[in-house]
Amino acid sequence: MKQRLYLYDTTLRDGQQTPGIDFSVEDKIAIAKLLDEFGMDYVEGGYPGANPTDTAFFGQKRTRRSRFVAFGMTKRVGVSASNDPGLAALVQSKSDAVCFVAKSSAYHVRVALGCTQEENLEAIRASVEAAVGAGKEAMVDCEHFFDGFKADPAYTLGCAKAAYEAGARWVVLCDTNGGTQPSEVRDIVGKVIEAGIPGDNLGIHAHDDTGQAVANSLAAVEAGARQIQGTLNGIGERCGNANLVTIIPTLALKPVLAERFETGITAEQLAGLSRLSRAFDELLNRAPEAQAPYVGASAFATKAGIHASALAKEPKTYEHVEPESVGNRRRVMVSDQGGKANFLAELKRRGIEVARDDHRLDTLIALVKEREAEGYAYEGADASFELLARRTLGTVPEFFKVESFRCMVERRFDANGNIKTVSEAIVKIVVEDQTRMSVAEGNGPVNALDIALRKDLGRYQDEIADLELVDYKVRILNGGTEAITRVLIESQDGEGGRWWTVGVSDNVIDASFQALMDSIVFKLMKNRELAGLAAAE
């Protein structure tokens, strides 16, 4: 029979240590719901009593299926468990379980706590007993466990045993500084089990300071640990925590692990992994990491012609798992490295049928390679590629025509004597034989151009009301003040579609305008279901 592994998510507590992240109560409620619906065994919500947000969040139970966990310190030395206000907040919260953080390194007990080793052990025992007595599932995160074990294994093991013998359901071994190697983790977890703490009661909490948090977590599992702690997308203090979005599919899809272990995540839930990862990034208001394992936009992408040809014949030639198993998809990108197989695959995915011997396909391939030599990058600008392909095939209507545009930047002193920079743009377009001129000021020249271009598109104006520019990237392709500039723009609309467009010029404003134009035309095509069924995903 397969052995059960338990997934413990600490996004709402340890993940909140990430610089720049500060969850509101509403954020925490939304994230807890995502984790609960996905199927996590434990959802750690934070530290009730430590701040108003966490205290309010623990005012009621926030999960239906997952066990809701409150996190906090063991009782203070010199204060009884019944008189410690921090401990009282934990056991009185609307949680199913309490996870205590306890020093397990003799060095940290002496330097950080300033108490005796026995006093620390007593604090661990009393805290666990108080939680169990209140009807809570108790667990202890043994902080600095691996570093402490290497320095003084007897005392570090003593801390773990104190937690287990007092009734802790889980004793979690923490690589707090993130410097332990997988071979060390495997060896030390084995020694803990040999010392009398069953693997069914051991967990692993790894940080990613050497880029090995996932490897360390899996090493602990292979050595006998049965709970894995981590965060969504690996967020966390410093370099982050073990990434559950990577660990979960590895456990489920790699035979060497899947044949021995099982989690509470069903195949159907696993197929929602990419959606979960992206929804979390959306909540954080940040762009998803393109090269994230399993769920990134590039995780199943290829642009080398020989690879694309092989993928078309048999996907397993260059894919370690099926993209659909984690809710992702295969992408065969077009670039100057690609051959006909790449282009045919991409065109087919977009519903564009063209014969292999069609001269227009040769024209398109030559045009892409010529433009990429000039600096365009179509593997990162799906929408611009689709427009280029459809224009080559003669299927893009002329919605409007830009006759000219002008952009001015003025730096002056205002009435108070402060320096002020003002950007103004003028765009002249023709819509249905009518010339329209729009003027706009913006926060910089590109913003001014964007506003002016979208200010009056005649009959198409209402169609772009939900169009929003969400990211803007500039890259200088060669040196000097006369450098060639590539601009990538990411846009989105009210239907949730997102797409990238590209422009290249020796003038950054002109390059930006090209990308803005493509974005608007793509949106109008998408509205008519003439484009974007794949590129806007």
Protein backbone atom coordinates (compact mmCIF):
# COMPACT_ATOMS: atom_id res chain seq x y z
CA MET A 1 0.00 0.00 0.00
CA LYS A 2 1.09 3.55 -0.70
CA GLN A 3 2.18 5.68 2.22
CA ARG A 4 0.25 8.88 2.86
CA LEU A 5 2.05 12.23 2.71
CA TYR A 6 0.51 15.34 4.25
CA LEU A 7 0.80 18.78 2.63
CA TYR A 8 1.13 21.77 4.93
CA ASP A 9 0.83 25.21 3.39
CA THR A 10 2.40 28.16 5.20
CA THR A 11 1.85 30.81 2.51
CA LEU A 12 -0.25 32.97 4.83
CA ARG A 13 2.39 33.01 7.56
CA ASP A 14 5.91 32.23 6.34
CA GLY A 15 5.04 33.42 2.84
CA GLN A 16 4.06 36.78 4.25
CA GLN A 17 7.71 37.26 5.26
CA THR A 18 8.43 37.95 1.56
CA PRO A 19 9.63 41.52 1.04
CA GLY A 20 6.85 43.60 -0.50
CA ILE A 21 4.02 41.25 0.49
CA ASP A 22 1.52 42.28 3.16
CA PHE A 23 -1.76 40.38 3.14
CA SER A 24 -4.99 42.03 4.25
CA VAL A 25 -7.71 40.02 6.00
CA GLU A 26 -9.57 39.87 2.67
CA ASP A 27 -6.43 38.59 0.91
CA LYS A 28 -5.99 35.88 3.53
CA ILE A 29 -9.60 34.77 3.23
CA ALA A 30 -9.30 34.52 -0.57
CA ILE A 31 -6.00 32.59 -0.43
CA ALA A 32 -7.25 30.23 2.27
CA LYS A 33 -10.23 29.42 0.06
CA LEU A 34 -7.94 28.66 -2.91
CA LEU A 35 -5.80 26.33 -0.77
CA ASP A 36 -8.80 24.64 0.83
CA GLU A 37 -10.51 23.98 -2.50
CA PHE A 38 -7.28 22.68 -4.03
CA GLY A 39 -6.97 20.04 -1.31
CA MET A 40 -4.15 21.01 1.05
CA ASP A 41 -4.19 18.99 4.27
CA TYR A 42 -3.15 21.93 6.46
CA VAL A 43 -3.51 25.67 5.93
CA GLU A 44 -1.49 27.76 8.35
CA GLY A 45 -3.12 31.15 8.73
CA GLY A 46 -0.71 33.21 10.80
CA TYR A 47 -0.08 34.25 14.39
CA PRO A 48 -3.29 35.23 16.26
CA GLY A 49 -2.61 37.93 18.81
CA ALA A 50 0.54 39.16 17.08
CA ASN A 51 -1.22 41.78 14.94
CA PRO A 52 -4.78 42.98 14.20
CA THR A 53 -4.92 41.28 10.78
CA ASP A 54 -4.12 37.80 12.07
CA THR A 55 -6.30 38.24 15.14
CA ALA A 56 -9.27 39.15 12.94
CA PHE A 57 -8.50 36.35 10.51
CA PHE A 58 -8.64 33.78 13.32
CA GLY A 59 -11.97 35.13 14.56
CA GLN A 60 -13.58 32.23 12.72
CA LYS A 61 -12.57 29.03 10.96
CA ARG A 62 -11.50 29.82 7.39
CA THR A 63 -11.40 26.35 5.82
CA ARG A 64 -13.94 23.61 5.16
CA ARG A 65 -11.79 20.59 4.32
CA SER A 66 -8.25 21.58 5.28
CA ARG A 67 -7.18 21.70 8.90
CA PHE A 68 -6.87 25.34 9.92
CA VAL A 69 -3.63 26.00 11.80
CA ALA A 70 -2.62 28.80 14.18
CA PHE A 71 1.10 29.47 14.53
CA GLY A 72 2.95 30.92 17.49
CA MET A 73 5.74 30.72 20.04
CA THR A 74 5.98 28.26 22.88
CA LYS A 75 5.22 29.74 26.27
CA ARG A 76 7.68 32.18 27.75
CA VAL A 77 10.24 30.96 30.24
CA GLY A 78 9.29 31.97 33.78
CA VAL A 79 5.56 32.13 33.01
CA SER A 80 3.19 29.19 33.43
CA ALA A 81 1.27 27.93 30.42
CA SER A 82 -2.02 29.03 31.99
CA ASN A 83 -0.75 32.62 32.43
CA ASP A 84 0.95 33.15 29.07
CA PRO A 85 -1.18 35.53 26.92
CA GLY A 86 0.47 34.43 23.66
CA LEU A 87 -0.30 30.78 24.33
CA ALA A 88 -3.85 31.70 25.34
CA ALA A 89 -4.43 33.45 22.00
CA LEU A 90 -3.34 30.30 20.16
CA VAL A 91 -5.48 27.79 22.04
CA GLN A 92 -8.52 30.12 22.04
CA SER A 93 -8.40 30.83 18.29
CA LYS A 94 -10.87 29.23 15.89
CA SER A 95 -8.27 26.80 14.62
CA ASP A 96 -8.13 23.03 14.36
CA ALA A 97 -4.44 22.83 15.18
CA VAL A 98 -1.61 24.82 16.72
CA CYS A 99 1.93 24.85 15.38
CA PHE A 100 4.52 26.04 17.89
CA VAL A 101 7.92 27.30 16.84
CA ALA A 102 10.59 26.17 19.29
CA LYS A 103 14.33 26.64 19.44
CA SER A 104 16.05 23.29 18.97
CA SER A 105 19.63 24.50 18.72
CA ALA A 106 21.65 24.79 21.93
CA TYR A 107 23.41 27.80 20.39
CA HIS A 108 20.11 29.64 19.78
CA VAL A 109 18.75 28.72 23.20
CA ARG A 110 21.78 30.34 24.77
CA VAL A 111 22.11 33.37 22.46
CA ALA A 112 18.53 34.13 21.35
CA LEU A 113 16.43 32.94 24.31
CA GLY A 114 18.96 33.51 27.06
CA CYS A 115 17.60 30.66 29.14
CA THR A 116 18.82 27.24 30.22
CA GLN A 117 18.44 24.19 28.01
CA GLU A 118 16.08 22.54 30.49
CA GLU A 119 13.87 25.66 30.63
CA ASN A 120 13.49 25.52 26.87
CA LEU A 121 12.56 21.83 26.99
CA GLU A 122 9.97 22.55 29.68
CA ALA A 123 8.47 25.35 27.55
CA ILE A 124 8.09 22.90 24.65
CA ARG A 125 6.44 20.23 26.80
CA ALA A 126 4.06 22.60 28.58
CA SER A 127 2.97 24.32 25.36
CA VAL A 128 2.18 21.06 23.57
CA GLU A 129 0.26 19.76 26.61
CA ALA A 130 -1.77 22.99 26.76
CA ALA A 131 -2.77 22.73 23.09
CA VAL A 132 -3.67 19.05 23.38
CA GLY A 133 -5.63 19.80 26.53
CA ALA A 134 -7.63 22.43 24.63
CA GLY A 135 -8.59 19.85 22.00
CA LYS A 136 -6.18 21.09 19.35
CA GLU A 137 -3.91 19.02 17.16
CA ALA A 138 -0.42 20.05 18.29
CA MET A 139 2.74 20.27 16.24
CA VAL A 140 6.15 21.79 16.83
CA ASP A 141 8.44 23.43 14.26
CA CYS A 142 11.92 22.70 15.56
CA GLU A 143 13.72 25.84 14.43
CA HIS A 144 17.37 25.52 13.26
CA PHE A 145 17.06 21.77 13.67
CA PHE A 146 19.64 20.67 11.10
CA ASP A 147 22.24 23.25 12.05
CA GLY A 148 21.62 22.45 15.72
CA PHE A 149 21.91 18.71 15.11
CA LYS A 150 25.28 19.09 13.39
CA ALA A 151 26.60 21.08 16.37
CA ASP A 152 24.96 19.25 19.29
CA PRO A 153 22.82 16.28 18.21
CA ALA A 154 21.95 15.17 21.74
CA TYR A 155 20.24 18.42 22.73
CA THR A 156 18.57 18.95 19.35
CA LEU A 157 17.15 15.43 19.47
CA GLY A 158 16.06 16.14 23.05
CA CYS A 159 13.92 19.04 21.85
CA ALA A 160 12.26 16.89 19.19
CA LYS A 161 11.63 14.11 21.69
CA ALA A 162 10.19 16.53 24.23
CA ALA A 163 7.61 17.64 21.66
CA TYR A 164 6.77 14.10 20.56
CA GLU A 165 6.50 12.67 24.08
CA ALA A 166 4.29 15.57 25.21
CA GLY A 167 1.76 14.61 22.51
CA ALA A 168 2.71 16.51 19.37
CA ARG A 169 1.12 14.98 16.28
CA TRP A 170 3.93 16.38 14.12
CA VAL A 171 7.53 17.21 14.93
CA VAL A 172 8.73 19.35 12.03
CA LEU A 173 12.45 19.54 11.29
CA CYS A 174 13.32 23.02 10.04
CA ASP A 175 16.24 24.03 7.84
CA THR A 176 15.73 27.60 8.97
CA ASN A 177 18.83 29.12 7.37
CA GLY A 178 18.40 27.07 4.20
CA GLY A 179 21.99 25.89 3.97
CA THR A 180 21.64 22.15 4.56
CA GLN A 181 22.37 19.79 1.66
CA PRO A 182 20.01 16.97 0.53
CA SER A 183 22.45 14.25 1.60
CA GLU A 184 22.65 15.80 5.08
CA VAL A 185 18.85 16.02 5.31
CA ARG A 186 18.48 12.37 4.34
CA ASP A 187 21.09 11.27 6.88
CA ILE A 188 19.78 13.36 9.79
CA VAL A 189 16.11 12.45 9.26
CA GLY A 190 17.17 8.81 9.31
CA LYS A 191 18.98 9.30 12.61
CA VAL A 192 15.94 11.03 14.15
CA ILE A 193 13.80 8.02 13.26
CA GLU A 194 16.43 5.66 14.66
CA ALA A 195 16.35 7.70 17.89
CA GLY A 196 12.69 6.82 18.42
CA ILE A 197 10.51 9.43 16.67
CA PRO A 198 8.44 7.63 13.99
CA GLY A 199 8.55 8.97 10.44
CA ASP A 200 4.75 9.15 10.53
CA ASN A 201 5.19 11.98 13.04
CA LEU A 202 7.97 13.86 11.25
CA GLY A 203 7.70 16.83 8.93
CA ILE A 204 10.16 18.91 6.89
CA HIS A 205 10.28 22.69 6.60
CA ALA A 206 12.94 23.80 4.09
CA HIS A 207 14.12 27.23 2.97
CA ASP A 208 15.59 27.86 -0.46
CA ASP A 209 18.80 29.76 0.28
CA THR A 210 20.87 27.31 -1.79
CA GLY A 211 18.11 26.64 -4.32
CA GLN A 212 17.55 23.17 -2.86
CA ALA A 213 14.39 23.51 -0.76
CA VAL A 214 12.42 21.19 -3.05
CA ALA A 215 15.29 18.67 -3.17
CA ASN A 216 15.68 18.81 0.62
CA SER A 217 11.94 18.24 1.11
CA LEU A 218 11.98 15.20 -1.16
CA ALA A 219 15.13 13.87 0.53
CA ALA A 220 13.33 14.07 3.88
CA VAL A 221 10.37 12.18 2.45
CA GLU A 222 12.61 9.43 1.10
CA ALA A 223 14.25 9.19 4.52
CA GLY A 224 10.89 8.76 6.26
CA ALA A 225 9.26 12.15 6.95
CA ARG A 226 5.57 12.25 6.10
CA GLN A 227 4.59 15.93 6.31
CA ILE A 228 5.90 18.55 3.87
CA GLN A 229 5.68 22.26 4.60
CA GLY A 230 5.98 24.90 1.90
CA THR A 231 4.32 27.82 0.13
CA LEU A 232 2.59 28.65 -3.12
CA ASN A 233 5.12 29.55 -5.81
CA GLY A 234 7.89 29.25 -3.22
CA ILE A 235 7.41 32.70 -1.67
CA GLY A 236 8.96 33.42 1.71
CA GLU A 237 11.66 35.37 3.49
CA ARG A 238 15.08 35.76 1.88
CA CYS A 239 15.17 33.26 -1.01
CA GLY A 240 11.80 31.72 -0.23
CA ASN A 241 10.40 28.41 1.01
CA ALA A 242 10.00 24.99 -0.54
CA ASN A 243 7.67 25.44 -3.51
CA LEU A 244 4.60 23.24 -3.09
CA VAL A 245 3.60 23.99 -6.68
CA THR A 246 6.73 22.08 -7.75
CA ILE A 247 6.66 19.41 -5.03
CA ILE A 248 3.05 18.30 -5.52
CA PRO A 249 3.27 17.27 -9.21
CA THR A 250 6.68 15.70 -8.64
CA LEU A 251 5.15 13.47 -5.97
CA ALA A 252 2.15 12.65 -8.15
CA LEU A 253 3.73 12.22 -11.58
CA LYS A 254 7.20 10.79 -11.04
CA PRO A 255 6.95 6.97 -10.78
CA VAL A 256 9.84 6.65 -8.31
CA LEU A 257 7.71 8.64 -5.84
CA ALA A 258 4.16 8.07 -7.09
CA GLU A 259 4.49 4.30 -6.75
CA ARG A 260 5.37 4.65 -3.05
CA PHE A 261 3.45 7.70 -1.85
CA GLU A 262 0.11 9.43 -2.20
CA THR A 263 -1.25 12.83 -1.17
CA GLY A 264 -4.76 14.15 -0.75
CA ILE A 265 -4.61 15.82 -4.17
CA THR A 266 -6.72 14.10 -6.84
CA ALA A 267 -5.83 14.00 -10.53
CA GLU A 268 -8.64 16.49 -11.17
CA GLN A 269 -7.28 18.88 -8.56
CA LEU A 270 -3.76 18.47 -9.93
CA ALA A 271 -5.04 19.58 -13.34
CA GLY A 272 -5.96 22.89 -11.68
CA LEU A 273 -2.39 23.49 -10.45
CA SER A 274 -1.44 26.01 -13.15
CA ARG A 275 -4.63 27.92 -12.54
CA LEU A 276 -3.94 27.98 -8.78
CA SER A 277 -0.40 29.27 -9.31
CA ARG A 278 -1.49 32.00 -11.70
CA ALA A 279 -4.46 33.02 -9.58
CA PHE A 280 -2.11 33.49 -6.65
CA ASP A 281 0.28 35.63 -8.73
CA GLU A 282 -2.70 37.66 -9.92
CA LEU A 283 -3.72 38.28 -6.31
CA LEU A 284 -0.15 39.42 -5.58
CA ASN A 285 -0.35 41.68 -8.66
CA ARG A 286 2.81 40.24 -10.17
CA ALA A 287 3.60 38.55 -13.46
CA PRO A 288 3.85 34.73 -13.29
CA GLU A 289 7.36 33.32 -13.61
CA ALA A 290 7.60 32.08 -17.19
CA GLN A 291 10.16 29.37 -16.42
CA ALA A 292 8.51 28.01 -13.27
CA PRO A 293 8.59 24.19 -13.31
CA TYR A 294 5.35 22.52 -14.43
CA VAL A 295 3.18 25.68 -14.43
CA GLY A 296 5.26 28.35 -16.18
CA ALA A 297 4.37 29.56 -19.66
CA SER A 298 7.73 28.22 -20.88
CA ALA A 299 7.61 24.93 -18.98
CA PHE A 300 6.46 23.05 -22.10
CA ALA A 301 7.73 25.46 -24.75
CA THR A 302 10.30 24.85 -27.46
CA LYS A 303 11.61 26.94 -30.31
CA ALA A 304 14.38 24.79 -31.79
CA GLY A 305 13.23 23.41 -35.14
CA ILE A 306 14.47 19.85 -34.59
CA HIS A 307 12.70 19.72 -31.21
CA ALA A 308 9.45 21.00 -32.71
CA SER A 309 9.58 18.40 -35.45
CA ALA A 310 10.04 15.64 -32.86
CA LEU A 311 7.24 17.01 -30.65
CA ALA A 312 4.85 16.95 -33.59
CA LYS A 313 5.59 13.24 -34.06
CA GLU A 314 5.68 12.25 -30.37
CA PRO A 315 5.36 14.76 -27.47
CA LYS A 316 7.24 12.46 -25.07
CA THR A 317 10.44 13.14 -26.98
CA TYR A 318 10.88 16.47 -25.18
CA GLU A 319 8.29 16.45 -22.36
CA HIS A 320 8.84 14.79 -18.99
CA VAL A 321 5.09 14.82 -18.16
CA GLU A 322 1.94 15.69 -20.08
CA PRO A 323 1.27 19.46 -19.83
CA GLU A 324 -2.46 18.86 -19.35
CA SER A 325 -1.81 16.85 -16.17
CA VAL A 326 -0.96 20.12 -14.38
CA GLY A 327 -3.31 22.35 -16.38
CA ASN A 328 -0.59 23.73 -18.64
CA ARG A 329 -0.22 23.50 -22.41
CA ARG A 330 2.39 22.81 -25.04
CA ARG A 331 3.89 25.79 -26.86
CA VAL A 332 5.92 25.53 -30.04
CA MET A 333 7.35 29.02 -30.48
CA VAL A 334 8.40 30.77 -33.62
CA SER A 335 11.81 32.37 -33.93
CA ASP A 336 14.81 32.57 -36.19
CA GLN A 337 15.82 29.14 -34.83
CA GLY A 338 12.63 27.47 -35.98
CA GLY A 339 11.77 25.62 -39.17
CA LYS A 340 8.50 24.82 -40.88
CA ALA A 341 7.45 22.41 -38.12
CA ASN A 342 7.42 25.24 -35.57
CA PHE A 343 5.40 27.54 -37.78
CA LEU A 344 2.91 24.91 -38.87
CA ALA A 345 2.35 23.85 -35.24
CA GLU A 346 1.83 27.42 -34.05
CA LEU A 347 -0.47 28.33 -36.92
CA LYS A 348 -2.53 25.19 -36.40
CA ARG A 349 -2.87 25.92 -32.69
CA ARG A 350 -4.34 29.30 -33.61
CA GLY A 351 -6.79 27.79 -36.07
CA ILE A 352 -4.82 28.97 -39.09
CA GLU A 353 -4.69 26.30 -41.75
CA VAL A 354 -1.92 26.59 -44.34
CA ALA A 355 -0.37 23.93 -46.51
CA ARG A 356 3.28 23.01 -46.02
CA ASP A 357 4.01 23.90 -49.65
CA ASP A 358 2.05 27.20 -49.59
CA HIS A 359 4.37 30.00 -50.74
CA ARG A 360 2.82 32.29 -48.12
CA LEU A 361 4.28 30.06 -45.40
CA ASP A 362 7.75 30.54 -46.89
CA THR A 363 7.09 34.28 -46.99
CA LEU A 364 6.07 34.29 -43.33
CA ILE A 365 9.13 32.29 -42.22
CA ALA A 366 11.46 34.60 -44.15
CA LEU A 367 9.72 37.66 -42.73
CA VAL A 368 9.99 36.41 -39.12
CA LYS A 369 13.67 35.59 -39.50
CA GLU A 370 14.34 38.96 -41.12
CA ARG A 371 12.52 40.83 -38.35
CA GLU A 372 14.18 38.84 -35.58
CA ALA A 373 17.52 39.79 -37.11
CA GLU A 374 16.38 43.42 -36.68
CA GLY A 375 15.57 42.80 -33.01
CA TYR A 376 11.99 41.55 -32.85
CA ALA A 377 11.31 38.61 -30.50
CA TYR A 378 8.14 36.79 -31.42
CA GLU A 379 8.53 33.91 -28.97
CA GLY A 380 7.75 36.47 -26.26
CA ALA A 381 5.04 38.32 -28.22
CA ASP A 382 2.36 35.85 -29.26
CA ALA A 383 -0.15 38.48 -30.33
CA SER A 384 2.26 40.31 -32.63
CA PHE A 385 3.22 37.02 -34.27
CA GLU A 386 -0.40 36.11 -34.87
CA LEU A 387 -1.10 39.49 -36.44
CA LEU A 388 1.99 39.19 -38.63
CA ALA A 389 0.88 35.72 -39.73
CA ARG A 390 -2.68 36.80 -40.48
CA ARG A 391 -1.49 39.90 -42.34
CA THR A 392 0.78 37.74 -44.47
CA LEU A 393 -2.25 35.57 -45.24
CA GLY A 394 -4.36 38.67 -45.91
CA THR A 395 -6.96 38.24 -43.15
CA VAL A 396 -6.54 41.34 -40.97
CA PRO A 397 -9.08 44.13 -41.65
CA GLU A 398 -7.90 47.75 -41.61
CA PHE A 399 -9.92 48.98 -38.65
CA PHE A 400 -8.19 52.35 -38.65
CA LYS A 401 -5.11 54.00 -40.10
CA VAL A 402 -2.61 56.16 -38.23
CA GLU A 403 -1.60 59.15 -40.32
CA SER A 404 0.84 60.60 -37.82
CA PHE A 405 1.70 60.99 -34.18
CA ARG A 406 3.77 63.45 -32.23
CA CYS A 407 5.05 63.33 -28.67
CA MET A 408 6.51 66.18 -26.63
CA VAL A 409 8.20 66.19 -23.26
CA GLU A 410 8.51 69.51 -21.45
CA ARG A 411 10.55 70.05 -18.29
CA ARG A 412 9.73 73.28 -16.50
CA PHE A 413 9.27 74.96 -13.13
CA ASP A 414 5.76 75.13 -11.71
CA ALA A 415 4.28 78.07 -9.78
CA ASN A 416 5.97 76.88 -6.59
CA GLY A 417 9.38 76.71 -8.19
CA ASN A 418 9.46 72.91 -8.33
CA ILE A 419 10.69 71.07 -11.42
CA LYS A 420 7.83 69.41 -13.32
CA THR A 421 7.98 67.16 -16.38
CA VAL A 422 4.92 67.06 -18.64
CA SER A 423 4.38 64.61 -21.52
CA GLU A 424 1.89 65.35 -24.28
CA ALA A 425 0.98 63.28 -27.31
CA ILE A 426 -1.01 64.05 -30.47
CA VAL A 427 -2.31 61.20 -32.64
CA LYS A 428 -4.07 61.62 -35.99
CA ILE A 429 -6.01 58.58 -37.25
CA VAL A 430 -8.50 57.80 -40.01
CA VAL A 431 -11.59 55.71 -39.19
CA GLU A 432 -14.09 55.06 -42.01
CA ASP A 433 -12.68 57.93 -44.10
CA GLN A 434 -13.00 60.34 -41.18
CA THR A 435 -9.86 61.94 -39.78
CA ARG A 436 -9.73 62.22 -36.01
CA MET A 437 -7.08 63.92 -33.92
CA SER A 438 -6.66 63.29 -30.21
CA VAL A 439 -4.45 65.05 -27.67
CA ALA A 440 -3.57 63.68 -24.24
CA GLU A 441 -1.19 64.23 -21.35
CA GLY A 442 0.24 61.28 -19.50
CA ASN A 443 2.69 60.00 -16.95
CA GLY A 444 5.52 59.85 -19.44
CA PRO A 445 5.45 59.86 -23.26
CA VAL A 446 4.33 56.25 -23.71
CA ASN A 447 1.40 56.69 -21.34
CA ALA A 448 0.43 59.90 -23.16
CA LEU A 449 0.55 58.10 -26.52
CA ASP A 450 -1.50 55.22 -25.15
CA ILE A 451 -4.21 57.58 -23.88
CA ALA A 452 -4.26 59.63 -27.08
CA LEU A 453 -4.39 56.58 -29.36
CA ARG A 454 -7.34 55.12 -27.45
CA LYS A 455 -9.15 58.40 -26.92
CA ASP A 456 -11.28 58.39 -30.07
CA LEU A 457 -11.48 55.31 -32.28
CA GLY A 458 -14.93 56.18 -33.57
CA ARG A 459 -17.20 53.13 -33.86
CA TYR A 460 -14.56 50.96 -32.17
CA GLN A 461 -14.20 53.10 -29.06
CA ASP A 462 -16.55 51.06 -26.87
CA GLU A 463 -14.80 47.84 -27.87
CA ILE A 464 -11.53 48.84 -26.22
CA ALA A 465 -13.02 50.24 -23.01
CA ASP A 466 -11.83 47.19 -21.04
CA LEU A 467 -8.35 47.13 -22.62
CA GLU A 468 -5.59 47.73 -20.08
CA LEU A 469 -1.80 47.91 -20.37
CA VAL A 470 -0.44 45.85 -17.47
CA ASP A 471 3.29 45.54 -18.19
CA TYR A 472 5.87 47.43 -20.22
CA LYS A 473 9.42 46.25 -20.80
CA VAL A 474 12.25 47.99 -22.65
CA ARG A 475 15.48 46.38 -23.74
CA ILE A 476 18.42 48.06 -25.41
CA LEU A 477 19.76 45.72 -28.09
CA ASN A 478 23.10 47.42 -28.69
CA GLY A 479 25.16 50.14 -27.06
CA GLY A 480 25.26 53.90 -27.42
CA THR A 481 22.67 56.66 -27.56
CA GLU A 482 21.62 55.50 -31.05
CA ALA A 483 20.85 52.00 -29.84
CA ILE A 484 18.10 49.81 -31.25
CA THR A 485 15.32 49.40 -28.69
CA ARG A 486 12.87 46.53 -28.25
CA VAL A 487 9.61 47.20 -26.40
CA LEU A 488 7.33 44.46 -25.10
CA ILE A 489 3.86 45.35 -23.87
CA GLU A 490 1.49 43.06 -22.00
CA SER A 491 -2.21 43.85 -22.24
CA GLN A 492 -5.34 42.38 -20.74
CA ASP A 493 -9.08 42.81 -21.14
CA GLY A 494 -12.18 42.34 -19.04
CA GLU A 495 -12.57 38.73 -20.15
CA GLY A 496 -9.26 37.81 -18.51
CA GLY A 497 -7.29 37.51 -21.75
CA ARG A 498 -3.62 38.54 -21.63
CA TRP A 499 -1.30 39.00 -24.58
CA TRP A 500 2.12 40.39 -25.47
CA THR A 501 3.01 42.64 -28.41
CA VAL A 502 6.40 43.88 -29.61
CA GLY A 503 7.89 46.90 -31.34
CA VAL A 504 11.47 47.61 -32.44
CA SER A 505 13.03 50.91 -33.51
CA ASP A 506 16.01 53.16 -32.92
CA ASN A 507 13.45 55.40 -31.18
CA VAL A 508 11.90 54.05 -27.98
CA ILE A 509 8.69 56.06 -28.56
CA ASP A 510 8.26 54.61 -32.05
CA ALA A 511 8.92 51.08 -30.78
CA SER A 512 6.35 51.61 -28.03
CA PHE A 513 3.79 52.92 -30.53
CA GLN A 514 4.21 49.82 -32.72
CA ALA A 515 3.49 47.56 -29.74
CA LEU A 516 0.51 49.72 -28.68
CA MET A 517 -0.94 49.56 -32.19
CA ASP A 518 -0.63 45.77 -32.31
CA SER A 519 -2.30 45.49 -28.91
CA ILE A 520 -5.37 47.46 -30.02
CA VAL A 521 -5.70 45.68 -33.37
CA PHE A 522 -5.34 42.32 -31.63
CA LYS A 523 -8.10 43.27 -29.19
CA LEU A 524 -10.44 44.20 -32.06
CA MET A 525 -9.62 40.91 -33.81
CA LYS A 526 -10.17 38.99 -30.58
CA ASN A 527 -13.58 40.63 -30.10
CA ARG A 528 -14.61 39.22 -33.49
CA GLU A 529 -13.14 35.77 -32.75
CA LEU A 530 -10.73 36.33 -35.62
CA ALA A 531 -7.68 35.91 -33.37
CA GLY A 532 -6.54 35.23 -29.85
CA LEU A 533 -8.09 31.88 -29.00
CA ALA A 534 -4.63 30.63 -28.02
CA ALA A 535 -2.42 33.70 -27.80
CA ALA A 536 -4.61 35.48 -25.26
CA GLU A 537 -4.60 32.59 -22.76
